[in-house]
Amino acid sequence: MSKSTLSFDLKPADLSPKP
């Protein structure tokens, strides 16, 4: 779960829905 939070904090756009 830590990795998930880190990824979101570092790259919130990465989690965004891509086309």
PDB file of N, CA and C in Angstrom:
ATOM      1  N   MET A   1       0.840  -1.196   0.000  1.00  0.00           N
ATOM      2  CA  MET A   1       0.000   0.000   0.000  1.00  0.00           C
ATOM      3  C   MET A   1       0.886   1.262   0.000  1.00  0.00           C
ATOM      4  N   SER A   2       2.031   1.136   0.598  1.00  0.00           N
ATOM      5  CA  SER A   2       2.968   2.271   0.658  1.00  0.00           C
ATOM      6  C   SER A   2       3.374   2.691  -0.759  1.00  0.00           C
ATOM      7  N   LYS A   3       3.642   1.690  -1.594  1.00  0.00           N
ATOM      8  CA  LYS A   3       4.068   1.986  -2.978  1.00  0.00           C
ATOM      9  C   LYS A   3       2.961   2.726  -3.723  1.00  0.00           C
ATOM     10  N   SER A   4       1.744   2.300  -3.523  1.00  0.00           N
ATOM     11  CA  SER A   4       0.605   2.919  -4.202  1.00  0.00           C
ATOM     12  C   SER A   4       0.516   4.405  -3.830  1.00  0.00           C
ATOM     13  N   THR A   5       0.662   4.676  -2.558  1.00  0.00           N
ATOM     14  CA  THR A   5       0.577   6.065  -2.088  1.00  0.00           C
ATOM     15  C   THR A   5       1.733   6.880  -2.637  1.00  0.00           C
ATOM     16  N   LEU A   6       2.908   6.276  -2.646  1.00  0.00           N
ATOM     17  CA  LEU A   6       4.092   6.976  -3.143  1.00  0.00           C
ATOM     18  C   LEU A   6       3.912   7.340  -4.612  1.00  0.00           C
ATOM     19  N   SER A   7       3.479   6.375  -5.388  1.00  0.00           N
ATOM     20  CA  SER A   7       3.282   6.594  -6.829  1.00  0.00           C
ATOM     21  C   SER A   7       2.286   7.735  -7.046  1.00  0.00           C
ATOM     22  N   PHE A   8       1.217   7.717  -6.273  1.00  0.00           N
ATOM     23  CA  PHE A   8       0.185   8.733  -6.423  1.00  0.00           C
ATOM     24  C   PHE A   8       0.710  10.118  -6.035  1.00  0.00           C
ATOM     25  N   ASP A   9       1.515  10.149  -4.985  1.00  0.00           N
ATOM     26  CA  ASP A   9       2.061  11.417  -4.507  1.00  0.00           C
ATOM     27  C   ASP A   9       3.108  11.961  -5.483  1.00  0.00           C
ATOM     28  N   LEU A  10       3.896  11.046  -6.039  1.00  0.00           N
ATOM     29  CA  LEU A  10       4.958  11.464  -6.962  1.00  0.00           C
ATOM     30  C   LEU A  10       4.398  11.749  -8.351  1.00  0.00           C
ATOM     31  N   LYS A  11       3.496  10.856  -8.783  1.00  0.00           N
ATOM     32  CA  LYS A  11       2.946  11.034 -10.141  1.00  0.00           C
ATOM     33  C   LYS A  11       1.438  10.792 -10.148  1.00  0.00           C
ATOM     34  N   PRO A  12       0.680  11.795  -9.718  1.00  0.00           N
ATOM     35  CA  PRO A  12      -0.785  11.690  -9.673  1.00  0.00           C
ATOM     36  C   PRO A  12      -1.367  11.543 -11.079  1.00  0.00           C
ATOM     37  N   ALA A  13      -0.698  12.125 -12.054  1.00  0.00           N
ATOM     38  CA  ALA A  13      -1.167  12.060 -13.445  1.00  0.00           C
ATOM     39  C   ALA A  13      -1.051  10.626 -13.967  1.00  0.00           C
ATOM     40  N   ASP A  14      -0.085   9.900 -13.441  1.00  0.00           N
ATOM     41  CA  ASP A  14       0.134   8.518 -13.894  1.00  0.00           C
ATOM     42  C   ASP A  14      -1.095   7.660 -13.592  1.00  0.00           C
ATOM     43  N   LEU A  15      -1.746   7.950 -12.475  1.00  0.00           N
ATOM     44  CA  LEU A  15      -2.929   7.163 -12.090  1.00  0.00           C
ATOM     45  C   LEU A  15      -4.147   7.626 -12.888  1.00  0.00           C
ATOM     46  N   SER A  16      -4.056   8.810 -13.456  1.00  0.00           N
ATOM     47  CA  SER A  16      -5.167   9.343 -14.237  1.00  0.00           C
ATOM     48  C   SER A  16      -5.526   8.395 -15.389  1.00  0.00           C
ATOM     49  N   PRO A  17      -6.797   8.362 -15.743  1.00  0.00           N
ATOM     50  CA  PRO A  17      -7.268   7.496 -16.845  1.00  0.00           C
ATOM     51  C   PRO A  17      -6.722   7.955 -18.185  1.00  0.00           C
ATOM     52  N   LYS A  18      -5.905   7.108 -18.799  1.00  0.00           N
ATOM     53  CA  LYS A  18      -5.315   7.487 -20.105  1.00  0.00           C
ATOM     54  C   LYS A  18      -6.207   7.024 -21.258  1.00  0.00           C
ATOM     55  N   PRO A  19      -6.154   7.734 -22.368  1.00  0.00           N
ATOM     56  CA  PRO A  19      -6.968   7.412 -23.555  1.00  0.00           C
ATOM     57  C   PRO A  19      -6.513   6.133 -24.243  1.00  0.00           C
TER      58      PRO A  19
END
